[in-house]
Amino acid sequence: MFEKRVSTHDQDHESISLRSFADKYVRYLGVTHSEKYTRDAKAAFRYLVTFDGDIALTDLTTKILEDFFLSSFMRAKFHTARNYRTIRAALLNAVEWSHLQNNPLKHFKFPRVPHNLPLFVTDKNLVLIMSHLPNKTIRDIVEFAFLTGCR
């Protein structure tokens, strides 16, 4: 009466190892994305394979990925956030390419990373600088450069 539902290893999804998928995805990025993004993706998957081994892509669970990201989050927030975005995008491709039925990161909420501007000039120093500028146009340019991180 009821058909038994097969696990994520069902016949609709091609079984592939994490490392094999990473290699395929990095080759794809080499054609479609920048060299830097491709290097970042390669590194992110290298860290993931080191963390949990070369498991089947279909065995990659939300819990494994959560443990992976949280293990490095406290020591490298921005690096971990980049790896999260990269791996999440890759897993979207894995779904499109029929390697996965669902993206295990679909409902995972990554911890918030503060977006602090690097301070080479303090707010106090900026006010002092602005007070000595000759006209509004130059003050606007300096303020724009400071607030947008221009060099």
N, C-alpha and C. Protein backbone atom coordinates (compact mmCIF):
# COMPACT_ATOMS: atom_id res chain seq x y z
N MET A 1 0.82 -1.18 0.00
CA MET A 1 0.00 0.00 0.00
C MET A 1 0.87 1.25 0.00
N PHE A 2 1.76 1.39 0.97
CA PHE A 2 2.67 2.53 1.00
C PHE A 2 4.02 2.07 0.53
N GLU A 3 4.59 2.81 -0.38
CA GLU A 3 5.93 2.48 -0.88
C GLU A 3 6.96 3.00 0.10
N LYS A 4 7.92 2.18 0.42
CA LYS A 4 8.98 2.58 1.34
C LYS A 4 9.83 3.66 0.68
N ARG A 5 10.02 4.75 1.39
CA ARG A 5 10.85 5.85 0.87
C ARG A 5 12.31 5.51 1.11
N VAL A 6 13.09 5.56 0.05
CA VAL A 6 14.51 5.26 0.13
C VAL A 6 15.23 6.51 0.63
N SER A 7 16.35 6.35 1.32
CA SER A 7 17.11 7.47 1.86
C SER A 7 17.61 8.38 0.74
N THR A 8 18.43 9.34 1.11
CA THR A 8 18.94 10.29 0.13
C THR A 8 19.81 9.62 -0.92
N HIS A 9 20.12 8.34 -0.75
CA HIS A 9 20.92 7.60 -1.73
C HIS A 9 20.02 6.98 -2.80
N ASP A 10 18.82 7.54 -3.00
CA ASP A 10 17.91 6.91 -3.96
C ASP A 10 18.43 6.99 -5.39
N GLN A 11 17.77 6.30 -6.25
CA GLN A 11 18.25 6.14 -7.62
C GLN A 11 18.15 7.41 -8.44
N ASP A 12 17.38 8.39 -7.98
CA ASP A 12 17.24 9.63 -8.73
C ASP A 12 18.48 10.51 -8.62
N HIS A 13 19.34 10.21 -7.67
CA HIS A 13 20.48 11.07 -7.41
C HIS A 13 21.78 10.30 -7.56
N GLU A 14 22.60 10.81 -8.44
CA GLU A 14 23.90 10.20 -8.73
C GLU A 14 24.78 10.25 -7.49
N SER A 15 25.30 9.10 -7.07
CA SER A 15 26.18 9.04 -5.91
C SER A 15 27.56 9.55 -6.30
N ILE A 16 28.06 10.48 -5.50
CA ILE A 16 29.36 11.08 -5.77
C ILE A 16 30.00 11.43 -4.43
N SER A 17 31.30 11.30 -4.33
CA SER A 17 31.98 11.64 -3.08
C SER A 17 32.12 13.16 -2.97
N LEU A 18 32.34 13.60 -1.75
CA LEU A 18 32.50 15.03 -1.50
C LEU A 18 33.67 15.59 -2.31
N ARG A 19 34.79 14.87 -2.30
CA ARG A 19 35.97 15.33 -3.03
C ARG A 19 35.71 15.35 -4.54
N SER A 20 35.04 14.33 -5.06
CA SER A 20 34.72 14.30 -6.50
C SER A 20 33.81 15.45 -6.88
N PHE A 21 32.80 15.71 -6.04
CA PHE A 21 31.92 16.84 -6.32
C PHE A 21 32.70 18.14 -6.28
N ALA A 22 33.57 18.30 -5.28
CA ALA A 22 34.37 19.52 -5.15
C ALA A 22 35.22 19.73 -6.40
N ASP A 23 35.85 18.66 -6.88
CA ASP A 23 36.67 18.76 -8.10
C ASP A 23 35.82 19.20 -9.29
N LYS A 24 34.64 18.60 -9.43
CA LYS A 24 33.73 18.94 -10.53
C LYS A 24 33.28 20.41 -10.41
N TYR A 25 32.93 20.81 -9.20
CA TYR A 25 32.46 22.17 -8.98
C TYR A 25 33.57 23.20 -9.24
N VAL A 26 34.78 22.91 -8.80
CA VAL A 26 35.91 23.82 -9.00
C VAL A 26 36.23 23.94 -10.50
N ARG A 27 36.14 22.85 -11.24
CA ARG A 27 36.33 22.93 -12.71
C ARG A 27 35.27 23.83 -13.34
N TYR A 28 34.03 23.68 -12.89
CA TYR A 28 32.94 24.52 -13.37
C TYR A 28 33.22 26.00 -13.07
N LEU A 29 33.67 26.28 -11.84
CA LEU A 29 33.97 27.66 -11.46
C LEU A 29 35.11 28.25 -12.27
N GLY A 30 36.07 27.39 -12.64
CA GLY A 30 37.20 27.85 -13.43
C GLY A 30 36.77 28.47 -14.75
N VAL A 31 35.61 28.08 -15.23
CA VAL A 31 35.09 28.60 -16.50
C VAL A 31 34.13 29.76 -16.26
N THR A 32 33.40 29.72 -15.15
CA THR A 32 32.30 30.67 -14.95
C THR A 32 32.58 31.79 -13.96
N HIS A 33 33.62 31.64 -13.13
CA HIS A 33 33.86 32.62 -12.07
C HIS A 33 35.32 33.08 -12.06
N SER A 34 35.59 34.02 -11.18
CA SER A 34 36.95 34.56 -11.10
C SER A 34 37.93 33.53 -10.54
N GLU A 35 39.19 33.77 -10.81
CA GLU A 35 40.24 32.88 -10.31
C GLU A 35 40.26 32.89 -8.78
N LYS A 36 40.05 34.04 -8.17
CA LYS A 36 40.05 34.14 -6.70
C LYS A 36 38.89 33.34 -6.10
N TYR A 37 37.70 33.49 -6.66
CA TYR A 37 36.55 32.76 -6.14
C TYR A 37 36.77 31.25 -6.29
N THR A 38 37.35 30.86 -7.41
CA THR A 38 37.64 29.44 -7.66
C THR A 38 38.62 28.92 -6.61
N ARG A 39 39.66 29.69 -6.31
CA ARG A 39 40.63 29.29 -5.26
C ARG A 39 39.95 29.19 -3.90
N ASP A 40 39.07 30.15 -3.59
CA ASP A 40 38.35 30.14 -2.31
C ASP A 40 37.48 28.89 -2.19
N ALA A 41 36.80 28.54 -3.27
CA ALA A 41 35.94 27.35 -3.25
C ALA A 41 36.77 26.09 -3.06
N LYS A 42 37.88 26.01 -3.74
CA LYS A 42 38.76 24.85 -3.61
C LYS A 42 39.24 24.71 -2.16
N ALA A 43 39.64 25.82 -1.57
CA ALA A 43 40.10 25.81 -0.17
C ALA A 43 38.96 25.42 0.78
N ALA A 44 37.77 25.96 0.56
CA ALA A 44 36.62 25.66 1.44
C ALA A 44 36.34 24.16 1.44
N PHE A 45 36.34 23.55 0.26
CA PHE A 45 36.08 22.11 0.19
C PHE A 45 37.25 21.30 0.77
N ARG A 46 38.46 21.79 0.60
CA ARG A 46 39.61 21.10 1.19
C ARG A 46 39.46 21.06 2.71
N TYR A 47 39.05 22.19 3.32
CA TYR A 47 38.83 22.23 4.77
C TYR A 47 37.69 21.29 5.18
N LEU A 48 36.63 21.26 4.39
CA LEU A 48 35.48 20.40 4.71
C LEU A 48 35.86 18.92 4.64
N VAL A 49 36.60 18.54 3.61
CA VAL A 49 37.04 17.15 3.47
C VAL A 49 37.99 16.79 4.61
N THR A 50 38.85 17.71 4.99
CA THR A 50 39.75 17.47 6.12
C THR A 50 38.96 17.30 7.41
N PHE A 51 37.90 18.06 7.56
CA PHE A 51 37.09 18.03 8.78
C PHE A 51 36.32 16.72 8.93
N ASP A 52 35.69 16.26 7.85
CA ASP A 52 34.80 15.10 7.97
C ASP A 52 35.16 13.94 7.06
N GLY A 53 36.21 14.04 6.30
CA GLY A 53 36.60 12.96 5.41
C GLY A 53 35.89 13.05 4.07
N ASP A 54 36.28 12.17 3.19
CA ASP A 54 35.71 12.16 1.83
C ASP A 54 34.46 11.30 1.82
N ILE A 55 33.42 11.80 2.49
CA ILE A 55 32.17 11.07 2.59
C ILE A 55 31.37 11.23 1.30
N ALA A 56 30.33 10.44 1.16
CA ALA A 56 29.42 10.61 0.02
C ALA A 56 28.72 11.96 0.18
N LEU A 57 28.55 12.65 -0.90
CA LEU A 57 27.90 13.96 -0.85
C LEU A 57 26.51 13.84 -0.22
N THR A 58 25.82 12.75 -0.49
CA THR A 58 24.47 12.56 0.06
C THR A 58 24.50 12.30 1.57
N ASP A 59 25.67 12.00 2.13
CA ASP A 59 25.79 11.82 3.58
C ASP A 59 26.10 13.13 4.30
N LEU A 60 26.28 14.19 3.56
CA LEU A 60 26.58 15.50 4.13
C LEU A 60 25.29 16.07 4.72
N THR A 61 25.23 16.14 6.03
CA THR A 61 24.01 16.58 6.71
C THR A 61 24.17 18.01 7.22
N THR A 62 23.05 18.59 7.60
CA THR A 62 23.06 19.91 8.21
C THR A 62 23.91 19.89 9.48
N LYS A 63 23.81 18.83 10.26
CA LYS A 63 24.58 18.72 11.51
C LYS A 63 26.08 18.70 11.24
N ILE A 64 26.52 17.94 10.26
CA ILE A 64 27.95 17.90 9.91
C ILE A 64 28.41 19.29 9.51
N LEU A 65 27.64 19.95 8.66
CA LEU A 65 28.02 21.29 8.20
C LEU A 65 27.99 22.30 9.33
N GLU A 66 26.99 22.20 10.19
CA GLU A 66 26.92 23.09 11.35
C GLU A 66 28.16 22.91 12.23
N ASP A 67 28.52 21.68 12.53
CA ASP A 67 29.72 21.41 13.33
C ASP A 67 30.98 21.96 12.64
N PHE A 68 31.04 21.79 11.33
CA PHE A 68 32.18 22.28 10.56
C PHE A 68 32.32 23.79 10.68
N PHE A 69 31.24 24.51 10.45
CA PHE A 69 31.31 25.97 10.49
C PHE A 69 31.53 26.49 11.91
N LEU A 70 30.85 25.91 12.87
CA LEU A 70 30.99 26.39 14.24
C LEU A 70 32.37 26.07 14.82
N SER A 71 33.02 25.03 14.31
CA SER A 71 34.34 24.67 14.82
C SER A 71 35.38 25.75 14.51
N SER A 72 35.17 26.49 13.45
CA SER A 72 36.16 27.52 13.09
C SER A 72 35.64 28.94 13.27
N PHE A 73 34.37 29.08 13.59
CA PHE A 73 33.76 30.41 13.64
C PHE A 73 34.41 31.32 14.67
N MET A 74 34.68 30.82 15.87
CA MET A 74 35.21 31.68 16.93
C MET A 74 36.62 32.19 16.63
N ARG A 75 37.40 31.44 15.88
CA ARG A 75 38.78 31.88 15.61
C ARG A 75 38.92 32.59 14.28
N ALA A 76 37.96 32.40 13.37
CA ALA A 76 38.09 33.01 12.03
C ALA A 76 36.71 33.31 11.46
N LYS A 77 36.03 34.31 12.04
CA LYS A 77 34.66 34.62 11.66
C LYS A 77 34.50 34.92 10.17
N PHE A 78 35.31 35.82 9.64
CA PHE A 78 35.14 36.25 8.25
C PHE A 78 35.50 35.15 7.28
N HIS A 79 36.56 34.42 7.58
CA HIS A 79 36.98 33.29 6.74
C HIS A 79 35.90 32.20 6.73
N THR A 80 35.34 31.91 7.90
CA THR A 80 34.28 30.91 8.01
C THR A 80 33.03 31.37 7.27
N ALA A 81 32.70 32.64 7.36
CA ALA A 81 31.53 33.18 6.66
C ALA A 81 31.71 33.03 5.14
N ARG A 82 32.92 33.29 4.64
CA ARG A 82 33.18 33.11 3.21
C ARG A 82 33.04 31.64 2.81
N ASN A 83 33.58 30.73 3.65
CA ASN A 83 33.43 29.30 3.36
C ASN A 83 31.97 28.88 3.35
N TYR A 84 31.18 29.43 4.28
CA TYR A 84 29.75 29.13 4.33
C TYR A 84 29.06 29.54 3.03
N ARG A 85 29.29 30.77 2.61
CA ARG A 85 28.64 31.26 1.37
C ARG A 85 29.07 30.42 0.17
N THR A 86 30.34 30.06 0.12
CA THR A 86 30.87 29.29 -1.00
C THR A 86 30.28 27.89 -1.03
N ILE A 87 30.26 27.22 0.11
CA ILE A 87 29.74 25.85 0.16
C ILE A 87 28.23 25.84 -0.05
N ARG A 88 27.54 26.84 0.46
CA ARG A 88 26.09 26.91 0.26
C ARG A 88 25.77 27.05 -1.24
N ALA A 89 26.50 27.89 -1.92
CA ALA A 89 26.30 28.05 -3.37
C ALA A 89 26.63 26.76 -4.10
N ALA A 90 27.69 26.09 -3.68
CA ALA A 90 28.07 24.83 -4.33
C ALA A 90 26.98 23.78 -4.15
N LEU A 91 26.39 23.72 -2.97
CA LEU A 91 25.36 22.73 -2.72
C LEU A 91 24.07 23.03 -3.49
N LEU A 92 23.84 24.30 -3.79
CA LEU A 92 22.72 24.65 -4.68
C LEU A 92 22.96 24.04 -6.06
N ASN A 93 24.21 24.11 -6.52
CA ASN A 93 24.56 23.49 -7.79
C ASN A 93 24.42 21.97 -7.71
N ALA A 94 24.77 21.39 -6.58
CA ALA A 94 24.65 19.93 -6.41
C ALA A 94 23.20 19.50 -6.57
N VAL A 95 22.28 20.31 -6.10
CA VAL A 95 20.85 20.02 -6.27
C VAL A 95 20.48 20.14 -7.75
N GLU A 96 20.92 21.22 -8.39
CA GLU A 96 20.63 21.42 -9.82
C GLU A 96 21.21 20.31 -10.68
N TRP A 97 22.38 19.81 -10.30
CA TRP A 97 23.06 18.77 -11.07
C TRP A 97 22.60 17.37 -10.66
N SER A 98 21.57 17.27 -9.82
CA SER A 98 20.97 16.01 -9.37
C SER A 98 21.90 15.14 -8.54
N HIS A 99 22.83 15.75 -7.83
CA HIS A 99 23.67 15.01 -6.89
C HIS A 99 23.01 14.96 -5.51
N LEU A 100 22.16 15.94 -5.22
CA LEU A 100 21.43 16.01 -3.96
C LEU A 100 19.97 16.31 -4.24
N GLN A 101 19.13 15.82 -3.33
CA GLN A 101 17.71 16.13 -3.44
C GLN A 101 17.43 17.52 -2.86
N ASN A 102 18.09 17.84 -1.75
CA ASN A 102 17.91 19.13 -1.08
C ASN A 102 19.27 19.65 -0.61
N ASN A 103 19.37 20.96 -0.51
CA ASN A 103 20.58 21.59 0.01
C ASN A 103 20.54 21.51 1.54
N PRO A 104 21.50 20.81 2.17
CA PRO A 104 21.47 20.70 3.63
C PRO A 104 21.68 22.03 4.34
N LEU A 105 22.11 23.06 3.64
CA LEU A 105 22.27 24.38 4.25
C LEU A 105 21.06 25.28 4.02
N LYS A 106 20.04 24.75 3.40
CA LYS A 106 18.88 25.57 3.05
C LYS A 106 18.28 26.28 4.26
N HIS A 107 18.18 25.59 5.39
CA HIS A 107 17.54 26.18 6.56
C HIS A 107 18.54 26.50 7.68
N PHE A 108 19.82 26.35 7.40
CA PHE A 108 20.84 26.63 8.41
C PHE A 108 21.09 28.13 8.45
N LYS A 109 21.01 28.72 9.62
CA LYS A 109 21.25 30.15 9.78
C LYS A 109 22.66 30.34 10.33
N PHE A 110 23.49 30.94 9.52
CA PHE A 110 24.88 31.19 9.91
C PHE A 110 24.90 32.31 10.94
N PRO A 111 25.75 32.19 11.98
CA PRO A 111 25.83 33.28 12.97
C PRO A 111 26.20 34.61 12.31
N ARG A 112 25.69 35.66 12.88
CA ARG A 112 25.96 37.00 12.34
C ARG A 112 27.42 37.37 12.54
N VAL A 113 27.99 37.94 11.50
CA VAL A 113 29.37 38.41 11.55
C VAL A 113 29.32 39.93 11.56
N PRO A 114 29.95 40.56 12.55
CA PRO A 114 29.93 42.03 12.58
C PRO A 114 30.65 42.59 11.36
N HIS A 115 30.07 43.63 10.81
CA HIS A 115 30.67 44.28 9.64
C HIS A 115 31.31 45.60 10.07
N ASN A 116 32.38 45.48 10.82
CA ASN A 116 33.09 46.68 11.27
C ASN A 116 33.97 47.21 10.16
N LEU A 117 33.95 48.52 10.03
CA LEU A 117 34.84 49.14 9.07
C LEU A 117 36.25 49.15 9.67
N PRO A 118 37.25 48.86 8.87
CA PRO A 118 38.61 48.97 9.42
C PRO A 118 38.90 50.44 9.72
N LEU A 119 39.38 50.69 10.91
CA LEU A 119 39.61 52.08 11.32
C LEU A 119 41.08 52.44 11.21
N PHE A 120 41.40 53.14 10.15
CA PHE A 120 42.73 53.69 10.00
C PHE A 120 42.72 55.12 10.51
N VAL A 121 41.54 55.71 10.49
CA VAL A 121 41.32 57.04 11.02
C VAL A 121 40.15 56.89 11.99
N THR A 122 40.32 57.34 13.23
CA THR A 122 39.24 57.25 14.20
C THR A 122 38.17 58.29 13.89
N ASP A 123 36.98 58.09 14.44
CA ASP A 123 35.90 59.06 14.25
C ASP A 123 36.32 60.44 14.77
N LYS A 124 37.01 60.45 15.89
CA LYS A 124 37.48 61.71 16.48
C LYS A 124 38.45 62.42 15.53
N ASN A 125 39.36 61.64 14.94
CA ASN A 125 40.31 62.22 13.99
C ASN A 125 39.61 62.69 12.73
N LEU A 126 38.59 61.96 12.29
CA LEU A 126 37.84 62.38 11.10
C LEU A 126 37.17 63.72 11.33
N VAL A 127 36.55 63.89 12.48
CA VAL A 127 35.91 65.17 12.80
C VAL A 127 36.94 66.29 12.79
N LEU A 128 38.10 66.03 13.36
CA LEU A 128 39.17 67.03 13.38
C LEU A 128 39.62 67.37 11.96
N ILE A 129 39.81 66.34 11.14
CA ILE A 129 40.21 66.56 9.74
C ILE A 129 39.15 67.35 9.00
N MET A 130 37.88 66.95 9.17
CA MET A 130 36.78 67.62 8.46
C MET A 130 36.68 69.10 8.85
N SER A 131 36.97 69.40 10.11
CA SER A 131 36.86 70.79 10.55
C SER A 131 37.93 71.69 9.93
N HIS A 132 38.97 71.09 9.39
CA HIS A 132 40.05 71.88 8.79
C HIS A 132 40.00 71.91 7.26
N LEU A 133 38.99 71.30 6.68
CA LEU A 133 38.89 71.27 5.22
C LEU A 133 38.26 72.57 4.73
N PRO A 134 38.73 73.08 3.58
CA PRO A 134 38.35 74.42 3.14
C PRO A 134 36.90 74.58 2.67
N ASN A 135 36.29 73.53 2.09
CA ASN A 135 34.93 73.73 1.60
C ASN A 135 34.10 72.44 1.67
N LYS A 136 32.80 72.59 1.47
CA LYS A 136 31.85 71.48 1.61
C LYS A 136 32.12 70.36 0.61
N THR A 137 32.50 70.69 -0.60
CA THR A 137 32.76 69.66 -1.62
C THR A 137 33.88 68.73 -1.18
N ILE A 138 34.95 69.28 -0.70
CA ILE A 138 36.08 68.47 -0.24
C ILE A 138 35.68 67.67 1.00
N ARG A 139 34.91 68.29 1.92
CA ARG A 139 34.44 67.56 3.11
C ARG A 139 33.57 66.37 2.69
N ASP A 140 32.71 66.59 1.68
CA ASP A 140 31.84 65.50 1.20
C ASP A 140 32.68 64.36 0.59
N ILE A 141 33.71 64.71 -0.15
CA ILE A 141 34.58 63.69 -0.77
C ILE A 141 35.31 62.90 0.31
N VAL A 142 35.86 63.58 1.31
CA VAL A 142 36.58 62.91 2.39
C VAL A 142 35.62 62.02 3.19
N GLU A 143 34.45 62.53 3.48
CA GLU A 143 33.46 61.74 4.23
C GLU A 143 33.05 60.51 3.43
N PHE A 144 32.80 60.67 2.14
CA PHE A 144 32.46 59.55 1.28
C PHE A 144 33.58 58.50 1.29
N ALA A 145 34.80 58.94 1.12
CA ALA A 145 35.94 58.02 1.10
C ALA A 145 36.06 57.28 2.43
N PHE A 146 35.89 57.97 3.52
CA PHE A 146 35.99 57.34 4.84
C PHE A 146 34.89 56.31 5.05
N LEU A 147 33.66 56.69 4.76
CA LEU A 147 32.50 55.82 5.05
C LEU A 147 32.39 54.63 4.10
N THR A 148 32.98 54.73 2.93
CA THR A 148 32.90 53.60 1.97
C THR A 148 34.17 52.76 1.95
N GLY A 149 35.18 53.16 2.69
CA GLY A 149 36.40 52.38 2.74
C GLY A 149 37.32 52.58 1.55
N CYS A 150 37.12 53.67 0.81
CA CYS A 150 38.00 53.95 -0.32
C CYS A 150 39.42 54.16 0.16
N ARG A 151 40.37 53.83 -0.68
CA ARG A 151 41.77 54.04 -0.30
C ARG A 151 42.33 55.23 -1.03
